[in-house]
């Protein structure tokens, strides 16, 4: 589980860096397009929701890593809750992909 968490964290970092570059570093359509695109705001809102949902699992997994590093036991009592949170996060990522598809196809709300 800790390895999977590392991979998810790495993929989130790559997506964040490339997304910021596309939106604000002069690539693609430019900053003005993104800042005035409602679907971009939806994507960012979903991203913030995912980050907020991920705080408790992230902090717990960090504590688990520290405990394992010291040879201690970990309390997996909240693992089912974290699995449910993960399912919600996956749904939010899917909604982000739908919003991104709408942006790529030029969907606007005028």
PDB file of N, CA and C in Angstrom:
ATOM      1  N   UNK A   1       0.814  -1.175   0.000  1.00  0.00           N
ATOM      2  CA  UNK A   1       0.000   0.000   0.000  1.00  0.00           C
ATOM      3  C   UNK A   1       0.867   1.251   0.000  1.00  0.00           C
ATOM      4  N   UNK A   2       1.954   1.217   0.723  1.00  0.00           N
ATOM      5  CA  UNK A   2       2.823   2.388   0.770  1.00  0.00           C
ATOM      6  C   UNK A   2       3.485   2.651  -0.576  1.00  0.00           C
ATOM      7  N   UNK A   3       3.806   1.593  -1.305  1.00  0.00           N
ATOM      8  CA  UNK A   3       4.382   1.762  -2.647  1.00  0.00           C
ATOM      9  C   UNK A   3       3.348   2.378  -3.584  1.00  0.00           C
ATOM     10  N   UNK A   4       2.116   1.883  -3.517  1.00  0.00           N
ATOM     11  CA  UNK A   4       1.047   2.448  -4.348  1.00  0.00           C
ATOM     12  C   UNK A   4       0.841   3.918  -4.009  1.00  0.00           C
ATOM     13  N   UNK A   5       0.900   4.256  -2.738  1.00  0.00           N
ATOM     14  CA  UNK A   5       0.752   5.649  -2.323  1.00  0.00           C
ATOM     15  C   UNK A   5       1.874   6.506  -2.911  1.00  0.00           C
ATOM     16  N   UNK A   6       3.088   5.983  -2.911  1.00  0.00           N
ATOM     17  CA  UNK A   6       4.214   6.709  -3.513  1.00  0.00           C
ATOM     18  C   UNK A   6       3.973   6.961  -5.004  1.00  0.00           C
ATOM     19  N   UNK A   7       3.469   5.948  -5.702  1.00  0.00           N
ATOM     20  CA  UNK A   7       3.215   6.089  -7.138  1.00  0.00           C
ATOM     21  C   UNK A   7       2.108   7.111  -7.408  1.00  0.00           C
ATOM     22  N   UNK A   8       1.053   7.069  -6.598  1.00  0.00           N
ATOM     23  CA  UNK A   8      -0.025   8.056  -6.746  1.00  0.00           C
ATOM     24  C   UNK A   8       0.499   9.465  -6.470  1.00  0.00           C
ATOM     25  N   UNK A   9       1.315   9.607  -5.472  1.00  0.00           N
ATOM     26  CA  UNK A   9       1.888  10.914  -5.160  1.00  0.00           C
ATOM     27  C   UNK A   9       2.778  11.420  -6.279  1.00  0.00           C
ATOM     28  N   UNK A  10       3.591  10.546  -6.846  1.00  0.00           N
ATOM     29  CA  UNK A  10       4.452  10.924  -7.961  1.00  0.00           C
ATOM     30  C   UNK A  10       3.630  11.329  -9.183  1.00  0.00           C
ATOM     31  N   UNK A  11       2.587  10.561  -9.478  1.00  0.00           N
ATOM     32  CA  UNK A  11       1.754  10.908 -10.636  1.00  0.00           C
ATOM     33  C   UNK A  11       1.035  12.238 -10.404  1.00  0.00           C
ATOM     34  N   UNK A  12       0.588  12.502  -9.181  1.00  0.00           N
ATOM     35  CA  UNK A  12      -0.057  13.780  -8.876  1.00  0.00           C
ATOM     36  C   UNK A  12       0.916  14.934  -9.073  1.00  0.00           C
ATOM     37  N   UNK A  13       2.152  14.740  -8.661  1.00  0.00           N
ATOM     38  CA  UNK A  13       3.165  15.781  -8.826  1.00  0.00           C
ATOM     39  C   UNK A  13       3.431  16.063 -10.306  1.00  0.00           C
ATOM     40  N   UNK A  14       3.555  15.010 -11.101  1.00  0.00           N
ATOM     41  CA  UNK A  14       3.791  15.175 -12.542  1.00  0.00           C
ATOM     42  C   UNK A  14       2.618  15.909 -13.193  1.00  0.00           C
ATOM     43  N   UNK A  15       1.390  15.508 -12.850  1.00  0.00           N
ATOM     44  CA  UNK A  15       0.223  16.172 -13.414  1.00  0.00           C
ATOM     45  C   UNK A  15       0.135  17.627 -12.987  1.00  0.00           C
ATOM     46  N   UNK A  16       0.468  17.905 -11.752  1.00  0.00           N
ATOM     47  CA  UNK A  16       0.429  19.281 -11.265  1.00  0.00           C
ATOM     48  C   UNK A  16       1.459  20.151 -11.982  1.00  0.00           C
ATOM     49  N   UNK A  17       2.683  19.661 -12.079  1.00  0.00           N
ATOM     50  CA  UNK A  17       3.751  20.443 -12.724  1.00  0.00           C
ATOM     51  C   UNK A  17       3.441  20.670 -14.198  1.00  0.00           C
ATOM     52  N   UNK A  18       3.043  19.623 -14.918  1.00  0.00           N
ATOM     53  CA  UNK A  18       2.754  19.792 -16.337  1.00  0.00           C
ATOM     54  C   UNK A  18       1.516  20.665 -16.549  1.00  0.00           C
ATOM     55  N   UNK A  19       0.544  20.544 -15.675  1.00  0.00           N
ATOM     56  CA  UNK A  19      -0.647  21.383 -15.780  1.00  0.00           C
ATOM     57  C   UNK A  19      -0.346  22.850 -15.562  1.00  0.00           C
ATOM     58  N   UNK A  20       0.465  23.144 -14.563  1.00  0.00           N
ATOM     59  CA  UNK A  20       0.859  24.535 -14.303  1.00  0.00           C
ATOM     60  C   UNK A  20       1.656  25.080 -15.488  1.00  0.00           C
ATOM     61  N   UNK A  21       2.532  24.262 -16.048  1.00  0.00           N
ATOM     62  CA  UNK A  21       3.318  24.703 -17.201  1.00  0.00           C
ATOM     63  C   UNK A  21       2.412  25.011 -18.402  1.00  0.00           C
ATOM     64  N   UNK A  22       1.443  24.138 -18.647  1.00  0.00           N
ATOM     65  CA  UNK A  22       0.543  24.356 -19.782  1.00  0.00           C
ATOM     66  C   UNK A  22      -0.303  25.604 -19.585  1.00  0.00           C
ATOM     67  N   UNK A  23      -0.746  25.845 -18.368  1.00  0.00           N
ATOM     68  CA  UNK A  23      -1.655  26.962 -18.114  1.00  0.00           C
ATOM     69  C   UNK A  23      -0.937  28.296 -17.963  1.00  0.00           C
ATOM     70  N   UNK A  24       0.257  28.288 -17.375  1.00  0.00           N
ATOM     71  CA  UNK A  24       0.859  29.560 -16.983  1.00  0.00           C
ATOM     72  C   UNK A  24       2.276  29.808 -17.503  1.00  0.00           C
ATOM     73  N   UNK A  25       2.834  28.889 -18.293  1.00  0.00           N
ATOM     74  CA  UNK A  25       4.210  29.071 -18.763  1.00  0.00           C
ATOM     75  C   UNK A  25       4.280  29.369 -20.256  1.00  0.00           C
ATOM     76  N   UNK A  26       3.168  29.777 -20.840  1.00  0.00           N
ATOM     77  CA  UNK A  26       3.190  30.155 -22.244  1.00  0.00           C
ATOM     78  C   UNK A  26       3.011  29.016 -23.224  1.00  0.00           C
ATOM     79  N   UNK A  27       2.711  27.828 -22.745  1.00  0.00           N
ATOM     80  CA  UNK A  27       2.436  26.708 -23.637  1.00  0.00           C
ATOM     81  C   UNK A  27       0.946  26.691 -23.960  1.00  0.00           C
ATOM     82  N   UNK A  28       0.593  25.930 -24.948  1.00  0.00           N
ATOM     83  CA  UNK A  28      -0.805  25.700 -25.300  1.00  0.00           C
ATOM     84  C   UNK A  28      -1.557  26.991 -25.570  1.00  0.00           C
ATOM     85  N   UNK A  29      -2.709  27.162 -24.938  1.00  0.00           N
ATOM     86  CA  UNK A  29      -3.612  28.270 -25.258  1.00  0.00           C
ATOM     87  C   UNK A  29      -3.339  29.538 -24.471  1.00  0.00           C
ATOM     88  N   UNK A  30      -2.549  29.454 -23.448  1.00  0.00           N
ATOM     89  CA  UNK A  30      -2.195  30.649 -22.693  1.00  0.00           C
ATOM     90  C   UNK A  30      -3.037  30.856 -21.445  1.00  0.00           C
ATOM     91  N   UNK A  31      -2.488  31.652 -20.569  1.00  0.00           N
ATOM     92  CA  UNK A  31      -3.089  31.910 -19.268  1.00  0.00           C
ATOM     93  C   UNK A  31      -4.477  32.516 -19.384  1.00  0.00           C
ATOM     94  N   UNK A  32      -4.666  33.465 -20.291  1.00  0.00           N
ATOM     95  CA  UNK A  32      -5.954  34.148 -20.421  1.00  0.00           C
ATOM     96  C   UNK A  32      -7.070  33.152 -20.732  1.00  0.00           C
ATOM     97  N   UNK A  33      -6.797  32.196 -21.610  1.00  0.00           N
ATOM     98  CA  UNK A  33      -7.798  31.183 -21.950  1.00  0.00           C
ATOM     99  C   UNK A  33      -8.200  30.396 -20.693  1.00  0.00           C
ATOM    100  N   UNK A  34      -7.221  29.923 -19.963  1.00  0.00           N
ATOM    101  CA  UNK A  34      -7.509  29.085 -18.800  1.00  0.00           C
ATOM    102  C   UNK A  34      -8.239  29.856 -17.711  1.00  0.00           C
ATOM    103  N   UNK A  35      -7.837  31.080 -17.454  1.00  0.00           N
ATOM    104  CA  UNK A  35      -8.458  31.852 -16.382  1.00  0.00           C
ATOM    105  C   UNK A  35      -9.897  32.248 -16.705  1.00  0.00           C
ATOM    106  N   UNK A  36     -10.262  32.238 -17.988  1.00  0.00           N
ATOM    107  CA  UNK A  36     -11.621  32.607 -18.371  1.00  0.00           C
ATOM    108  C   UNK A  36     -12.450  31.409 -18.831  1.00  0.00           C
ATOM    109  N   UNK A  37     -11.973  30.218 -18.572  1.00  0.00           N
ATOM    110  CA  UNK A  37     -12.655  28.998 -18.968  1.00  0.00           C
ATOM    111  C   UNK A  37     -13.313  28.373 -17.733  1.00  0.00           C
ATOM    112  N   UNK A  38     -14.664  28.325 -17.687  1.00  0.00           N
ATOM    113  CA  UNK A  38     -15.357  27.752 -16.524  1.00  0.00           C
ATOM    114  C   UNK A  38     -14.963  26.298 -16.230  1.00  0.00           C
ATOM    115  N   UNK A  39     -14.698  25.510 -17.257  1.00  0.00           N
ATOM    116  CA  UNK A  39     -14.311  24.121 -17.021  1.00  0.00           C
ATOM    117  C   UNK A  39     -12.946  24.025 -16.342  1.00  0.00           C
ATOM    118  N   UNK A  40     -12.070  24.988 -16.593  1.00  0.00           N
ATOM    119  CA  UNK A  40     -10.785  25.019 -15.891  1.00  0.00           C
ATOM    120  C   UNK A  40     -11.020  25.270 -14.405  1.00  0.00           C
ATOM    121  N   UNK A  41     -11.932  26.175 -14.095  1.00  0.00           N
ATOM    122  CA  UNK A  41     -12.248  26.444 -12.693  1.00  0.00           C
ATOM    123  C   UNK A  41     -12.875  25.214 -12.026  1.00  0.00           C
ATOM    124  N   UNK A  42     -13.686  24.494 -12.777  1.00  0.00           N
ATOM    125  CA  UNK A  42     -14.252  23.246 -12.257  1.00  0.00           C
ATOM    126  C   UNK A  42     -13.142  22.243 -11.966  1.00  0.00           C
ATOM    127  N   UNK A  43     -12.205  22.105 -12.917  1.00  0.00           N
ATOM    128  CA  UNK A  43     -11.080  21.186 -12.710  1.00  0.00           C
ATOM    129  C   UNK A  43     -10.282  21.554 -11.461  1.00  0.00           C
ATOM    130  N   UNK A  44     -10.009  22.829 -11.281  1.00  0.00           N
ATOM    131  CA  UNK A  44      -9.234  23.262 -10.121  1.00  0.00           C
ATOM    132  C   UNK A  44     -10.002  23.052  -8.819  1.00  0.00           C
ATOM    133  N   UNK A  45     -11.314  23.265  -8.857  1.00  0.00           N
ATOM    134  CA  UNK A  45     -12.141  23.009  -7.674  1.00  0.00           C
ATOM    135  C   UNK A  45     -12.102  21.534  -7.308  1.00  0.00           C
ATOM    136  N   UNK A  46     -12.236  20.669  -8.307  1.00  0.00           N
ATOM    137  CA  UNK A  46     -12.159  19.229  -8.061  1.00  0.00           C
ATOM    138  C   UNK A  46     -10.788  18.840  -7.519  1.00  0.00           C
ATOM    139  N   UNK A  47      -9.745  19.450  -8.061  1.00  0.00           N
ATOM    140  CA  UNK A  47      -8.385  19.174  -7.596  1.00  0.00           C
ATOM    141  C   UNK A  47      -8.224  19.553  -6.123  1.00  0.00           C
ATOM    142  N   UNK A  48      -8.744  20.710  -5.747  1.00  0.00           N
ATOM    143  CA  UNK A  48      -8.663  21.151  -4.342  1.00  0.00           C
ATOM    144  C   UNK A  48      -9.457  20.201  -3.447  1.00  0.00           C
ATOM    145  N   UNK A  49     -10.627  19.754  -3.906  1.00  0.00           N
ATOM    146  CA  UNK A  49     -11.403  18.787  -3.126  1.00  0.00           C
ATOM    147  C   UNK A  49     -10.615  17.497  -2.904  1.00  0.00           C
ATOM    148  N   UNK A  50      -9.944  17.036  -3.951  1.00  0.00           N
ATOM    149  CA  UNK A  50      -9.122  15.825  -3.823  1.00  0.00           C
ATOM    150  C   UNK A  50      -8.016  16.053  -2.798  1.00  0.00           C
ATOM    151  N   UNK A  51      -7.359  17.191  -2.867  1.00  0.00           N
ATOM    152  CA  UNK A  51      -6.291  17.487  -1.900  1.00  0.00           C
ATOM    153  C   UNK A  51      -6.825  17.506  -0.472  1.00  0.00           C
ATOM    154  N   UNK A  52      -7.982  18.121  -0.283  1.00  0.00           N
ATOM    155  CA  UNK A  52      -8.564  18.178   1.058  1.00  0.00           C
ATOM    156  C   UNK A  52      -8.950  16.789   1.560  1.00  0.00           C
ATOM    157  N   UNK A  53      -9.533  15.979   0.679  1.00  0.00           N
ATOM    158  CA  UNK A  53      -9.880  14.611   1.066  1.00  0.00           C
ATOM    159  C   UNK A  53      -8.638  13.779   1.383  1.00  0.00           C
ATOM    160  N   UNK A  54      -7.537  14.089   0.738  1.00  0.00           N
ATOM    161  CA  UNK A  54      -6.312  13.293   0.877  1.00  0.00           C
ATOM    162  C   UNK A  54      -5.505  13.640   2.120  1.00  0.00           C
ATOM    163  N   UNK A  55      -5.809  14.747   2.773  1.00  0.00           N
ATOM    164  CA  UNK A  55      -4.997  15.171   3.923  1.00  0.00           C
ATOM    165  C   UNK A  55      -4.915  14.119   5.024  1.00  0.00           C
ATOM    166  N   UNK A  56      -6.051  13.623   5.484  1.00  0.00           N
ATOM    167  CA  UNK A  56      -6.035  12.639   6.579  1.00  0.00           C
ATOM    168  C   UNK A  56      -5.315  11.356   6.181  1.00  0.00           C
ATOM    169  N   UNK A  57      -5.622  10.752   5.014  1.00  0.00           N
ATOM    170  CA  UNK A  57      -4.871   9.552   4.626  1.00  0.00           C
ATOM    171  C   UNK A  57      -3.377   9.817   4.472  1.00  0.00           C
ATOM    172  N   UNK A  58      -3.023  10.971   3.909  1.00  0.00           N
ATOM    173  CA  UNK A  58      -1.613  11.288   3.696  1.00  0.00           C
ATOM    174  C   UNK A  58      -0.868  11.387   5.032  1.00  0.00           C
ATOM    175  N   UNK A  59      -1.442  12.095   5.974  1.00  0.00           N
ATOM    176  CA  UNK A  59      -0.802  12.250   7.278  1.00  0.00           C
ATOM    177  C   UNK A  59      -0.684  10.896   7.971  1.00  0.00           C
ATOM    178  N   UNK A  60      -1.736  10.096   7.876  1.00  0.00           N
ATOM    179  CA  UNK A  60      -1.702   8.765   8.500  1.00  0.00           C
ATOM    180  C   UNK A  60      -0.642   7.885   7.862  1.00  0.00           C
ATOM    181  N   UNK A  61      -0.549   7.901   6.541  1.00  0.00           N
ATOM    182  CA  UNK A  61       0.454   7.066   5.876  1.00  0.00           C
ATOM    183  C   UNK A  61       1.874   7.524   6.192  1.00  0.00           C
ATOM    184  N   UNK A  62       2.063   8.812   6.374  1.00  0.00           N
ATOM    185  CA  UNK A  62       3.379   9.303   6.806  1.00  0.00           C
ATOM    186  C   UNK A  62       3.703   8.752   8.188  1.00  0.00           C
ATOM    187  N   UNK A  63       2.718   8.785   9.082  1.00  0.00           N
ATOM    188  CA  UNK A  63       2.930   8.235  10.428  1.00  0.00           C
ATOM    189  C   UNK A  63       3.211   6.739  10.373  1.00  0.00           C
ATOM    190  N   UNK A  64       2.530   6.016   9.475  1.00  0.00           N
ATOM    191  CA  UNK A  64       2.782   4.592   9.320  1.00  0.00           C
ATOM    192  C   UNK A  64       4.206   4.338   8.844  1.00  0.00           C
ATOM    193  N   UNK A  65       4.666   5.144   7.901  1.00  0.00           N
ATOM    194  CA  UNK A  65       6.038   4.986   7.412  1.00  0.00           C
ATOM    195  C   UNK A  65       7.050   5.191   8.544  1.00  0.00           C
ATOM    196  N   UNK A  66       6.809   6.216   9.341  1.00  0.00           N
ATOM    197  CA  UNK A  66       7.707   6.503  10.474  1.00  0.00           C
ATOM    198  C   UNK A  66       7.683   5.344  11.460  1.00  0.00           C
ATOM    199  N   UNK A  67       6.486   4.855  11.777  1.00  0.00           N
ATOM    200  CA  UNK A  67       6.361   3.736  12.723  1.00  0.00           C
ATOM    201  C   UNK A  67       7.058   2.484  12.197  1.00  0.00           C
ATOM    202  N   UNK A  68       6.865   2.190  10.927  1.00  0.00           N
ATOM    203  CA  UNK A  68       7.528   1.016  10.344  1.00  0.00           C
ATOM    204  C   UNK A  68       9.029   1.183  10.334  1.00  0.00           C
ATOM    205  N   UNK A  69       9.497   2.407  10.074  1.00  0.00           N
ATOM    206  CA  UNK A  69      10.931   2.684  10.068  1.00  0.00           C
ATOM    207  C   UNK A  69      11.563   2.473  11.436  1.00  0.00           C
ATOM    208  N   UNK A  70      10.776   2.696  12.472  1.00  0.00           N
ATOM    209  CA  UNK A  70      11.262   2.504  13.846  1.00  0.00           C
ATOM    210  C   UNK A  70      10.982   1.094  14.364  1.00  0.00           C
ATOM    211  N   UNK A  71      10.407   0.267  13.493  1.00  0.00           N
ATOM    212  CA  UNK A  71      10.129  -1.111  13.879  1.00  0.00           C
ATOM    213  C   UNK A  71       8.836  -1.266  14.655  1.00  0.00           C
ATOM    214  N   UNK A  72       8.011  -0.257  14.682  1.00  0.00           N
ATOM    215  CA  UNK A  72       6.760  -0.310  15.427  1.00  0.00           C
ATOM    216  C   UNK A  72       5.611  -0.826  14.578  1.00  0.00           C
ATOM    217  N   UNK A  73       4.488  -1.015  15.244  1.00  0.00           N
ATOM    218  CA  UNK A  73       3.282  -1.484  14.569  1.00  0.00           C
ATOM    219  C   UNK A  73       2.474  -0.285  14.070  1.00  0.00           C
ATOM    220  N   UNK A  74       1.642  -0.539  13.074  1.00  0.00           N
ATOM    221  CA  UNK A  74       0.767   0.519  12.559  1.00  0.00           C
ATOM    222  C   UNK A  74      -0.672   0.169  12.877  1.00  0.00           C
ATOM    223  N   UNK A  75      -1.487   1.188  13.115  1.00  0.00           N
ATOM    224  CA  UNK A  75      -2.902   0.998  13.404  1.00  0.00           C
ATOM    225  C   UNK A  75      -3.672   1.104  12.095  1.00  0.00           C
ATOM    226  N   UNK A  76      -4.175  -0.005  11.604  1.00  0.00           N
ATOM    227  CA  UNK A  76      -4.885  -0.028  10.325  1.00  0.00           C
ATOM    228  C   UNK A  76      -6.398   0.123  10.506  1.00  0.00           C
ATOM    229  N   UNK A  77      -6.818   0.593  11.646  1.00  0.00           N
ATOM    230  CA  UNK A  77      -8.237   0.722  11.943  1.00  0.00           C
ATOM    231  C   UNK A  77      -9.002   1.636  10.994  1.00  0.00           C
ATOM    232  N   UNK A  78      -8.334   2.611  10.423  1.00  0.00           N
ATOM    233  CA  UNK A  78      -9.013   3.546   9.521  1.00  0.00           C
ATOM    234  C   UNK A  78      -8.791   3.200   8.054  1.00  0.00           C
ATOM    235  N   UNK A  79      -8.241   2.037   7.777  1.00  0.00           N
ATOM    236  CA  UNK A  79      -7.934   1.646   6.398  1.00  0.00           C
ATOM    237  C   UNK A  79      -9.189   1.593   5.525  1.00  0.00           C
ATOM    238  N   UNK A  80     -10.305   1.086   6.059  1.00  0.00           N
ATOM    239  CA  UNK A  80     -11.546   1.019   5.272  1.00  0.00           C
ATOM    240  C   UNK A  80     -12.054   2.417   4.936  1.00  0.00           C
ATOM    241  N   UNK A  81     -11.947   3.328   5.872  1.00  0.00           N
ATOM    242  CA  UNK A  81     -12.331   4.711   5.612  1.00  0.00           C
ATOM    243  C   UNK A  81     -11.469   5.298   4.498  1.00  0.00           C
ATOM    244  N   UNK A  82     -10.184   5.040   4.571  1.00  0.00           N
ATOM    245  CA  UNK A  82      -9.273   5.562   3.547  1.00  0.00           C
ATOM    246  C   UNK A  82      -9.570   4.952   2.183  1.00  0.00           C
ATOM    247  N   UNK A  83      -9.990   3.690   2.153  1.00  0.00           N
ATOM    248  CA  UNK A  83     -10.368   3.052   0.887  1.00  0.00           C
ATOM    249  C   UNK A  83     -11.594   3.748   0.305  1.00  0.00           C
ATOM    250  N   UNK A  84     -12.571   4.077   1.152  1.00  0.00           N
ATOM    251  CA  UNK A  84     -13.761   4.793   0.677  1.00  0.00           C
ATOM    252  C   UNK A  84     -13.387   6.179   0.157  1.00  0.00           C
ATOM    253  N   UNK A  85     -12.524   6.862   0.877  1.00  0.00           N
ATOM    254  CA  UNK A  85     -12.057   8.179   0.435  1.00  0.00           C
ATOM    255  C   UNK A  85     -11.377   8.050  -0.921  1.00  0.00           C
ATOM    256  N   UNK A  86     -10.601   7.001  -1.098  1.00  0.00           N
ATOM    257  CA  UNK A  86      -9.905   6.765  -2.358  1.00  0.00           C
ATOM    258  C   UNK A  86     -10.893   6.594  -3.507  1.00  0.00           C
ATOM    259  N   UNK A  87     -12.011   5.927  -3.259  1.00  0.00           N
ATOM    260  CA  UNK A  87     -13.024   5.755  -4.302  1.00  0.00           C
ATOM    261  C   UNK A  87     -13.645   7.104  -4.683  1.00  0.00           C
ATOM    262  N   UNK A  88     -13.902   7.936  -3.704  1.00  0.00           N
ATOM    263  CA  UNK A  88     -14.440   9.274  -3.988  1.00  0.00           C
ATOM    264  C   UNK A  88     -13.429  10.082  -4.787  1.00  0.00           C
ATOM    265  N   UNK A  89     -12.158   9.998  -4.396  1.00  0.00           N
ATOM    266  CA  UNK A  89     -11.104  10.718  -5.122  1.00  0.00           C
ATOM    267  C   UNK A  89     -11.013  10.237  -6.567  1.00  0.00           C
ATOM    268  N   UNK A  90     -11.155   8.939  -6.794  1.00  0.00           N
ATOM    269  CA  UNK A  90     -11.112   8.400  -8.159  1.00  0.00           C
ATOM    270  C   UNK A  90     -12.265   8.961  -8.988  1.00  0.00           C
ATOM    271  N   UNK A  91     -13.446   9.079  -8.387  1.00  0.00           N
ATOM    272  CA  UNK A  91     -14.577   9.671  -9.084  1.00  0.00           C
ATOM    273  C   UNK A  91     -14.301  11.132  -9.435  1.00  0.00           C
ATOM    274  N   UNK A  92     -13.706  11.866  -8.500  1.00  0.00           N
ATOM    275  CA  UNK A  92     -13.385  13.267  -8.764  1.00  0.00           C
ATOM    276  C   UNK A  92     -12.345  13.400  -9.873  1.00  0.00           C
ATOM    277  N   UNK A  93     -11.378  12.490  -9.918  1.00  0.00           N
ATOM    278  CA  UNK A  93     -10.394  12.498 -11.009  1.00  0.00           C
ATOM    279  C   UNK A  93     -11.100  12.230 -12.342  1.00  0.00           C
ATOM    280  N   UNK A  94     -12.031  11.311 -12.346  1.00  0.00           N
ATOM    281  CA  UNK A  94     -12.787  11.028 -13.559  1.00  0.00           C
ATOM    282  C   UNK A  94     -13.553  12.274 -14.018  1.00  0.00           C
ATOM    283  N   UNK A  95     -14.151  12.996 -13.089  1.00  0.00           N
ATOM    284  CA  UNK A  95     -14.848  14.231 -13.432  1.00  0.00           C
ATOM    285  C   UNK A  95     -13.880  15.283 -13.967  1.00  0.00           C
ATOM    286  N   UNK A  96     -12.656  15.290 -13.447  1.00  0.00           N
ATOM    287  CA  UNK A  96     -11.635  16.202 -13.977  1.00  0.00           C
ATOM    288  C   UNK A  96     -11.317  15.865 -15.432  1.00  0.00           C
ATOM    289  N   UNK A  97     -11.253  14.590 -15.745  1.00  0.00           N
ATOM    290  CA  UNK A  97     -10.983  14.164 -17.124  1.00  0.00           C
ATOM    291  C   UNK A  97     -12.129  14.597 -18.043  1.00  0.00           C
ATOM    292  N   UNK A  98     -13.365  14.478 -17.558  1.00  0.00           N
ATOM    293  CA  UNK A  98     -14.514  14.923 -18.346  1.00  0.00           C
ATOM    294  C   UNK A  98     -14.420  16.427 -18.602  1.00  0.00           C
ATOM    295  N   UNK A  99     -14.067  17.196 -17.571  1.00  0.00           N
ATOM    296  CA  UNK A  99     -13.913  18.646 -17.736  1.00  0.00           C
ATOM    297  C   UNK A  99     -12.783  18.961 -18.715  1.00  0.00           C
ATOM    298  N   UNK A 100     -11.685  18.244 -18.619  1.00  0.00           N
ATOM    299  CA  UNK A 100     -10.558  18.462 -19.531  1.00  0.00           C
ATOM    300  C   UNK A 100     -10.953  18.142 -20.973  1.00  0.00           C
ATOM    301  N   UNK A 101     -11.744  17.099 -21.146  1.00  0.00           N
ATOM    302  CA  UNK A 101     -12.227  16.749 -22.481  1.00  0.00           C
ATOM    303  C   UNK A 101     -13.102  17.863 -23.040  1.00  0.00           C
ATOM    304  N   UNK A 102     -13.946  18.409 -22.187  1.00  0.00           N
ATOM    305  CA  UNK A 102     -14.772  19.533 -22.616  1.00  0.00           C
ATOM    306  C   UNK A 102     -13.938  20.729 -23.022  1.00  0.00           C
ATOM    307  N   UNK A 103     -12.892  21.003 -22.260  1.00  0.00           N
ATOM    308  CA  UNK A 103     -11.994  22.113 -22.611  1.00  0.00           C
ATOM    309  C   UNK A 103     -11.311  21.846 -23.948  1.00  0.00           C
ATOM    310  N   UNK A 104     -10.836  20.628 -24.150  1.00  0.00           N
ATOM    311  CA  UNK A 104     -10.129  20.287 -25.383  1.00  0.00           C
ATOM    312  C   UNK A 104     -11.054  20.395 -26.602  1.00  0.00           C
ATOM    313  N   UNK A 105     -12.324  20.149 -26.391  1.00  0.00           N
ATOM    314  CA  UNK A 105     -13.295  20.221 -27.500  1.00  0.00           C
ATOM    315  C   UNK A 105     -13.891  21.614 -27.657  1.00  0.00           C
ATOM    316  N   UNK A 106     -13.455  22.555 -26.810  1.00  0.00           N
ATOM    317  CA  UNK A 106     -13.890  23.932 -26.945  1.00  0.00           C
ATOM    318  C   UNK A 106     -15.269  24.213 -26.369  1.00  0.00           C
ATOM    319  N   UNK A 107     -15.736  23.385 -25.451  1.00  0.00           N
ATOM    320  CA  UNK A 107     -17.027  23.622 -24.815  1.00  0.00           C
ATOM    321  C   UNK A 107     -16.940  24.874 -23.972  1.00  0.00           C
ATOM    322  N   UNK A 108     -17.878  25.768 -24.185  1.00  0.00           N
ATOM    323  CA  UNK A 108     -17.921  27.013 -23.404  1.00  0.00           C
ATOM    324  C   UNK A 108     -19.324  27.209 -22.855  1.00  0.00           C
ATOM    325  N   UNK A 109     -19.420  28.011 -21.841  1.00  0.00           N
ATOM    326  CA  UNK A 109     -20.703  28.326 -21.228  1.00  0.00           C
ATOM    327  C   UNK A 109     -20.867  29.838 -21.280  1.00  0.00           C
ATOM    328  N   UNK A 110     -21.443  30.315 -22.368  1.00  0.00           N
ATOM    329  CA  UNK A 110     -21.582  31.769 -22.535  1.00  0.00           C
ATOM    330  C   UNK A 110     -22.969  32.231 -22.171  1.00  0.00           C
TER     331      UNK A 110
END
